[in-house]
Amino acid sequence: MPNQVKIVFDNKYHGIVTGHHGSSQIGPAEGALAAYDMILGGLGACLNHTFQTVMDKKRLQFQAIKYDIKGEKREEVPTTLKHVKVDIVVTGVDENKHDQVRRAMQLATEYCSVYVTISHVATMEWNISFDN
């Protein structure tokens, strides 16, 4: 089945996006997501799914992971992303496995289709740290 979302807007930029697994408000309202929120969120979702797949294949364990993703847009039109920084904190990893988890994230950045797509217009940077 192809990826698909449906979006309905009113005439004030307020909308609802609905996908296979749920929906969200989009637009300028409090609690709604803006377009680049969704792009960066999609990046985080794809990167995390790819990372967890690599971790499962390598039989590496962790308790939780947090992503802080910042995107800077160009000023010239079209205002595509110029720079994206992904700060990652992984919890519950044995200290002797940190290098293997870093390698798993490196592989995730190479195989995550959204990361690779954005890298065609933006400089991508990521940093991983551990909180045990």
N, C-alpha and C. Protein backbone atom coordinates (compact mmCIF):
# COMPACT_ATOMS: atom_id res chain seq x y z
N MET A 1 0.85 -1.18 0.00
CA MET A 1 0.00 0.00 0.00
C MET A 1 0.90 1.25 0.00
N PRO A 2 0.61 2.22 -0.87
CA PRO A 2 1.43 3.44 -0.91
C PRO A 2 1.17 4.31 0.32
N ASN A 3 2.15 5.16 0.64
CA ASN A 3 1.95 6.14 1.69
C ASN A 3 0.93 7.15 1.21
N GLN A 4 0.05 7.57 2.09
CA GLN A 4 -0.97 8.54 1.70
C GLN A 4 -1.46 9.28 2.93
N VAL A 5 -1.68 10.58 2.78
CA VAL A 5 -2.36 11.39 3.79
C VAL A 5 -3.45 12.17 3.09
N LYS A 6 -4.47 12.54 3.86
CA LYS A 6 -5.52 13.42 3.35
C LYS A 6 -5.54 14.64 4.25
N ILE A 7 -5.69 15.81 3.62
CA ILE A 7 -5.66 17.07 4.36
C ILE A 7 -6.87 17.89 3.95
N VAL A 8 -7.54 18.46 4.96
CA VAL A 8 -8.67 19.36 4.72
C VAL A 8 -8.35 20.67 5.42
N PHE A 9 -8.44 21.79 4.68
CA PHE A 9 -8.19 23.13 5.22
C PHE A 9 -9.45 23.97 5.17
N ASP A 10 -9.54 24.90 6.13
CA ASP A 10 -10.53 25.96 5.99
C ASP A 10 -9.86 27.12 5.25
N ASN A 11 -10.52 28.27 5.17
CA ASN A 11 -9.94 29.40 4.43
C ASN A 11 -9.05 30.28 5.32
N LYS A 12 -8.64 29.79 6.50
CA LYS A 12 -7.77 30.53 7.42
C LYS A 12 -6.49 29.76 7.74
N TYR A 13 -6.08 28.85 6.87
CA TYR A 13 -4.87 28.06 7.02
C TYR A 13 -4.96 26.97 8.09
N HIS A 14 -6.12 26.73 8.66
CA HIS A 14 -6.29 25.68 9.67
C HIS A 14 -6.69 24.39 8.97
N GLY A 15 -6.02 23.31 9.33
CA GLY A 15 -6.32 22.05 8.67
C GLY A 15 -6.17 20.85 9.58
N ILE A 16 -6.54 19.74 9.05
CA ILE A 16 -6.34 18.46 9.72
C ILE A 16 -5.74 17.51 8.68
N VAL A 17 -4.61 16.92 9.07
CA VAL A 17 -3.99 15.90 8.23
C VAL A 17 -4.31 14.55 8.85
N THR A 18 -4.73 13.63 8.00
CA THR A 18 -5.08 12.30 8.47
C THR A 18 -4.29 11.28 7.67
N GLY A 19 -3.62 10.41 8.40
CA GLY A 19 -2.85 9.34 7.78
C GLY A 19 -3.41 8.00 8.21
N HIS A 20 -2.70 6.97 7.87
CA HIS A 20 -3.14 5.61 8.14
C HIS A 20 -3.30 5.34 9.64
N HIS A 21 -2.46 5.96 10.47
CA HIS A 21 -2.46 5.65 11.89
C HIS A 21 -2.98 6.77 12.78
N GLY A 22 -3.43 7.88 12.24
CA GLY A 22 -3.93 8.95 13.08
C GLY A 22 -4.04 10.26 12.35
N SER A 23 -4.30 11.31 13.14
CA SER A 23 -4.45 12.64 12.54
C SER A 23 -3.88 13.70 13.46
N SER A 24 -3.68 14.89 12.90
CA SER A 24 -3.14 16.01 13.65
C SER A 24 -3.64 17.31 13.05
N GLN A 25 -3.79 18.30 13.90
CA GLN A 25 -4.11 19.63 13.42
C GLN A 25 -2.86 20.25 12.81
N ILE A 26 -3.05 21.01 11.74
CA ILE A 26 -1.94 21.73 11.13
C ILE A 26 -2.36 23.17 10.92
N GLY A 27 -1.37 24.06 10.95
CA GLY A 27 -1.65 25.47 10.72
C GLY A 27 -1.18 26.34 11.87
N PRO A 28 -1.72 27.57 11.95
CA PRO A 28 -1.23 28.54 12.94
C PRO A 28 -1.85 28.43 14.33
N ALA A 29 -2.81 27.57 14.54
CA ALA A 29 -3.50 27.49 15.83
C ALA A 29 -2.59 26.90 16.90
N GLU A 30 -2.85 27.27 18.14
CA GLU A 30 -2.13 26.70 19.28
C GLU A 30 -2.34 25.18 19.29
N GLY A 31 -1.26 24.44 19.44
CA GLY A 31 -1.35 22.99 19.46
C GLY A 31 -1.30 22.33 18.09
N ALA A 32 -1.28 23.13 17.04
CA ALA A 32 -1.23 22.58 15.69
C ALA A 32 0.22 22.52 15.21
N LEU A 33 0.46 21.68 14.24
CA LEU A 33 1.78 21.55 13.65
C LEU A 33 1.88 22.42 12.40
N ALA A 34 3.05 23.02 12.22
CA ALA A 34 3.33 23.76 10.98
C ALA A 34 3.99 22.80 9.99
N ALA A 35 4.12 23.24 8.76
CA ALA A 35 4.66 22.38 7.70
C ALA A 35 6.04 21.84 8.07
N TYR A 36 6.94 22.69 8.54
CA TYR A 36 8.28 22.22 8.85
C TYR A 36 8.32 21.41 10.13
N ASP A 37 7.35 21.58 11.03
CA ASP A 37 7.23 20.67 12.18
C ASP A 37 7.01 19.25 11.66
N MET A 38 6.15 19.14 10.66
CA MET A 38 5.85 17.81 10.12
C MET A 38 7.05 17.23 9.38
N ILE A 39 7.79 18.06 8.66
CA ILE A 39 8.98 17.56 7.96
C ILE A 39 10.00 17.06 8.97
N LEU A 40 10.27 17.86 10.00
CA LEU A 40 11.25 17.45 11.00
C LEU A 40 10.74 16.26 11.81
N GLY A 41 9.45 16.22 12.07
CA GLY A 41 8.86 15.07 12.75
C GLY A 41 8.95 13.81 11.90
N GLY A 42 8.72 13.95 10.61
CA GLY A 42 8.86 12.82 9.71
C GLY A 42 10.29 12.32 9.67
N LEU A 43 11.25 13.24 9.71
CA LEU A 43 12.65 12.87 9.77
C LEU A 43 12.91 12.05 11.04
N GLY A 44 12.44 12.55 12.17
CA GLY A 44 12.65 11.83 13.43
C GLY A 44 12.01 10.46 13.43
N ALA A 45 10.80 10.37 12.90
CA ALA A 45 10.09 9.09 12.86
C ALA A 45 10.83 8.08 11.97
N CYS A 46 11.27 8.53 10.80
CA CYS A 46 11.99 7.65 9.88
C CYS A 46 13.34 7.24 10.47
N LEU A 47 14.07 8.21 10.99
CA LEU A 47 15.38 7.92 11.57
C LEU A 47 15.25 6.95 12.73
N ASN A 48 14.26 7.15 13.58
CA ASN A 48 14.08 6.26 14.72
C ASN A 48 13.70 4.85 14.27
N HIS A 49 12.80 4.74 13.30
CA HIS A 49 12.41 3.42 12.82
C HIS A 49 13.63 2.69 12.24
N THR A 50 14.43 3.40 11.46
CA THR A 50 15.61 2.80 10.85
C THR A 50 16.62 2.41 11.92
N PHE A 51 16.84 3.29 12.90
CA PHE A 51 17.77 3.01 14.00
C PHE A 51 17.33 1.77 14.77
N GLN A 52 16.05 1.71 15.11
CA GLN A 52 15.57 0.55 15.89
C GLN A 52 15.69 -0.74 15.08
N THR A 53 15.48 -0.67 13.77
CA THR A 53 15.66 -1.85 12.93
C THR A 53 17.11 -2.32 12.96
N VAL A 54 18.05 -1.38 12.84
CA VAL A 54 19.47 -1.73 12.91
C VAL A 54 19.81 -2.30 14.28
N MET A 55 19.31 -1.66 15.34
CA MET A 55 19.57 -2.16 16.70
C MET A 55 19.04 -3.58 16.88
N ASP A 56 17.85 -3.85 16.36
CA ASP A 56 17.27 -5.20 16.46
C ASP A 56 18.14 -6.22 15.73
N LYS A 57 18.59 -5.85 14.53
CA LYS A 57 19.42 -6.78 13.75
C LYS A 57 20.75 -7.05 14.44
N LYS A 58 21.28 -6.05 15.12
CA LYS A 58 22.55 -6.21 15.83
C LYS A 58 22.34 -6.77 17.24
N ARG A 59 21.08 -6.95 17.62
CA ARG A 59 20.72 -7.46 18.95
C ARG A 59 21.29 -6.58 20.06
N LEU A 60 21.18 -5.27 19.84
CA LEU A 60 21.60 -4.28 20.84
C LEU A 60 20.38 -3.77 21.57
N GLN A 61 20.51 -3.55 22.85
CA GLN A 61 19.40 -3.13 23.69
C GLN A 61 19.55 -1.69 24.15
N PHE A 62 18.43 -1.01 24.31
CA PHE A 62 18.38 0.30 24.94
C PHE A 62 17.02 0.46 25.58
N GLN A 63 16.93 1.44 26.47
CA GLN A 63 15.66 1.64 27.18
C GLN A 63 14.79 2.68 26.50
N ALA A 64 15.38 3.81 26.13
CA ALA A 64 14.62 4.91 25.52
C ALA A 64 15.57 5.75 24.67
N ILE A 65 14.95 6.54 23.78
CA ILE A 65 15.73 7.44 22.93
C ILE A 65 14.96 8.74 22.76
N LYS A 66 15.69 9.87 22.81
CA LYS A 66 15.08 11.19 22.62
C LYS A 66 15.79 11.89 21.47
N TYR A 67 14.99 12.56 20.66
CA TYR A 67 15.52 13.32 19.53
C TYR A 67 15.16 14.79 19.71
N ASP A 68 16.12 15.67 19.51
CA ASP A 68 15.89 17.12 19.46
C ASP A 68 16.37 17.55 18.07
N ILE A 69 15.44 17.87 17.20
CA ILE A 69 15.77 18.14 15.80
C ILE A 69 15.49 19.61 15.49
N LYS A 70 16.53 20.30 15.02
CA LYS A 70 16.42 21.71 14.67
C LYS A 70 16.71 21.87 13.19
N GLY A 71 15.87 22.62 12.51
CA GLY A 71 16.08 22.89 11.10
C GLY A 71 16.13 24.38 10.83
N GLU A 72 17.12 24.79 10.08
CA GLU A 72 17.26 26.20 9.69
C GLU A 72 16.97 26.31 8.19
N LYS A 73 16.06 27.22 7.85
CA LYS A 73 15.69 27.40 6.45
C LYS A 73 16.53 28.50 5.80
N ARG A 74 16.68 28.40 4.51
CA ARG A 74 17.33 29.45 3.73
C ARG A 74 16.42 30.67 3.69
N GLU A 75 17.01 31.82 3.46
CA GLU A 75 16.22 33.04 3.31
C GLU A 75 15.77 33.24 1.88
N GLU A 76 16.54 32.73 0.93
CA GLU A 76 16.18 32.90 -0.47
C GLU A 76 15.10 31.88 -0.86
N VAL A 77 14.26 32.30 -1.79
CA VAL A 77 13.14 31.49 -2.26
C VAL A 77 13.65 30.51 -3.31
N PRO A 78 13.27 29.23 -3.29
CA PRO A 78 12.43 28.62 -2.26
C PRO A 78 13.21 28.40 -0.97
N THR A 79 12.54 28.60 0.13
CA THR A 79 13.20 28.55 1.44
C THR A 79 13.34 27.11 1.94
N THR A 80 14.11 26.31 1.19
CA THR A 80 14.35 24.94 1.61
C THR A 80 15.21 24.93 2.87
N LEU A 81 15.29 23.80 3.50
CA LEU A 81 16.16 23.68 4.66
C LEU A 81 17.60 23.91 4.24
N LYS A 82 18.34 24.61 5.09
CA LYS A 82 19.75 24.88 4.86
C LYS A 82 20.61 23.99 5.75
N HIS A 83 20.19 23.81 6.99
CA HIS A 83 20.97 23.04 7.95
C HIS A 83 20.02 22.33 8.91
N VAL A 84 20.29 21.07 9.17
CA VAL A 84 19.50 20.30 10.13
C VAL A 84 20.45 19.66 11.12
N LYS A 85 20.15 19.83 12.40
CA LYS A 85 20.94 19.22 13.47
C LYS A 85 20.04 18.31 14.28
N VAL A 86 20.48 17.08 14.46
CA VAL A 86 19.74 16.08 15.22
C VAL A 86 20.57 15.72 16.46
N ASP A 87 20.09 16.12 17.63
CA ASP A 87 20.72 15.73 18.89
C ASP A 87 19.95 14.55 19.46
N ILE A 88 20.67 13.51 19.80
CA ILE A 88 20.07 12.25 20.22
C ILE A 88 20.62 11.87 21.58
N VAL A 89 19.73 11.47 22.48
CA VAL A 89 20.13 10.95 23.79
C VAL A 89 19.52 9.56 23.93
N VAL A 90 20.39 8.57 24.13
CA VAL A 90 19.95 7.19 24.29
C VAL A 90 20.14 6.80 25.75
N THR A 91 19.12 6.20 26.32
CA THR A 91 19.13 5.78 27.72
C THR A 91 19.15 4.25 27.79
N GLY A 92 19.89 3.76 28.79
CA GLY A 92 19.86 2.33 29.08
C GLY A 92 20.75 1.48 28.21
N VAL A 93 21.92 2.01 27.82
CA VAL A 93 22.87 1.25 27.01
C VAL A 93 24.10 0.96 27.86
N ASP A 94 24.54 -0.30 27.88
CA ASP A 94 25.77 -0.64 28.58
C ASP A 94 26.92 0.18 28.01
N GLU A 95 27.77 0.69 28.89
CA GLU A 95 28.86 1.57 28.46
C GLU A 95 29.76 0.91 27.42
N ASN A 96 29.97 -0.39 27.54
CA ASN A 96 30.84 -1.08 26.57
C ASN A 96 30.17 -1.27 25.21
N LYS A 97 28.91 -0.85 25.05
CA LYS A 97 28.18 -0.95 23.78
C LYS A 97 27.99 0.41 23.10
N HIS A 98 28.51 1.48 23.69
CA HIS A 98 28.30 2.82 23.14
C HIS A 98 28.78 2.94 21.69
N ASP A 99 29.97 2.41 21.40
CA ASP A 99 30.49 2.51 20.04
C ASP A 99 29.61 1.76 19.04
N GLN A 100 29.07 0.62 19.43
CA GLN A 100 28.18 -0.14 18.54
C GLN A 100 26.88 0.62 18.29
N VAL A 101 26.39 1.31 19.32
CA VAL A 101 25.15 2.09 19.15
C VAL A 101 25.42 3.30 18.26
N ARG A 102 26.57 3.94 18.43
CA ARG A 102 26.94 5.05 17.53
C ARG A 102 26.97 4.56 16.08
N ARG A 103 27.55 3.39 15.86
CA ARG A 103 27.62 2.82 14.50
C ARG A 103 26.21 2.52 13.98
N ALA A 104 25.33 2.03 14.85
CA ALA A 104 23.95 1.77 14.44
C ALA A 104 23.27 3.06 13.99
N MET A 105 23.52 4.17 14.71
CA MET A 105 22.94 5.45 14.30
C MET A 105 23.57 5.94 13.00
N GLN A 106 24.86 5.73 12.82
CA GLN A 106 25.50 6.10 11.56
C GLN A 106 24.84 5.37 10.40
N LEU A 107 24.62 4.07 10.58
CA LEU A 107 23.94 3.30 9.54
C LEU A 107 22.51 3.81 9.31
N ALA A 108 21.83 4.17 10.39
CA ALA A 108 20.47 4.69 10.26
C ALA A 108 20.44 5.95 9.41
N THR A 109 21.44 6.83 9.58
CA THR A 109 21.48 8.06 8.78
C THR A 109 21.76 7.76 7.30
N GLU A 110 22.40 6.64 7.03
CA GLU A 110 22.68 6.26 5.65
C GLU A 110 21.50 5.57 4.98
N TYR A 111 20.64 4.91 5.78
CA TYR A 111 19.53 4.13 5.22
C TYR A 111 18.16 4.78 5.38
N CYS A 112 18.04 5.78 6.25
CA CYS A 112 16.75 6.46 6.44
C CYS A 112 16.46 7.31 5.21
N SER A 113 15.38 6.98 4.50
CA SER A 113 15.09 7.66 3.24
C SER A 113 14.80 9.15 3.43
N VAL A 114 14.16 9.53 4.53
CA VAL A 114 13.86 10.94 4.76
C VAL A 114 15.15 11.70 5.05
N TYR A 115 16.05 11.12 5.85
CA TYR A 115 17.35 11.76 6.14
C TYR A 115 18.10 11.99 4.83
N VAL A 116 18.16 10.96 3.99
CA VAL A 116 18.88 11.06 2.72
C VAL A 116 18.21 12.10 1.82
N THR A 117 16.89 12.12 1.77
CA THR A 117 16.17 13.09 0.93
C THR A 117 16.49 14.52 1.36
N ILE A 118 16.39 14.80 2.65
CA ILE A 118 16.67 16.15 3.15
C ILE A 118 18.14 16.52 2.91
N SER A 119 19.03 15.53 2.98
CA SER A 119 20.46 15.81 2.79
C SER A 119 20.77 16.34 1.39
N HIS A 120 19.84 16.20 0.46
CA HIS A 120 20.06 16.73 -0.90
C HIS A 120 19.92 18.25 -0.95
N VAL A 121 19.27 18.85 0.06
CA VAL A 121 19.12 20.30 0.08
C VAL A 121 19.74 20.95 1.31
N ALA A 122 20.07 20.16 2.34
CA ALA A 122 20.55 20.72 3.60
C ALA A 122 21.80 20.00 4.08
N THR A 123 22.61 20.72 4.81
CA THR A 123 23.72 20.11 5.53
C THR A 123 23.14 19.40 6.74
N MET A 124 23.46 18.13 6.90
CA MET A 124 22.93 17.33 7.98
C MET A 124 24.02 17.10 9.02
N GLU A 125 23.62 17.18 10.28
CA GLU A 125 24.56 16.98 11.39
C GLU A 125 23.83 16.21 12.48
N TRP A 126 24.50 15.27 13.09
CA TRP A 126 23.88 14.57 14.21
C TRP A 126 24.92 14.31 15.30
N ASN A 127 24.41 14.24 16.50
CA ASN A 127 25.25 13.99 17.67
C ASN A 127 24.49 13.05 18.59
N ILE A 128 25.17 12.04 19.09
CA ILE A 128 24.54 11.08 19.99
C ILE A 128 25.26 11.10 21.33
N SER A 129 24.49 11.06 22.40
CA SER A 129 25.05 10.95 23.74
C SER A 129 24.25 9.91 24.52
N PHE A 130 24.77 9.53 25.65
CA PHE A 130 24.17 8.45 26.42
C PHE A 130 23.86 8.94 27.83
N ASP A 131 22.71 8.52 28.32
CA ASP A 131 22.27 8.86 29.67
C ASP A 131 21.89 7.57 30.35
N ASN A 132 22.77 7.13 31.20
CA ASN A 132 22.51 5.86 31.88
C ASN A 132 22.16 6.16 33.31
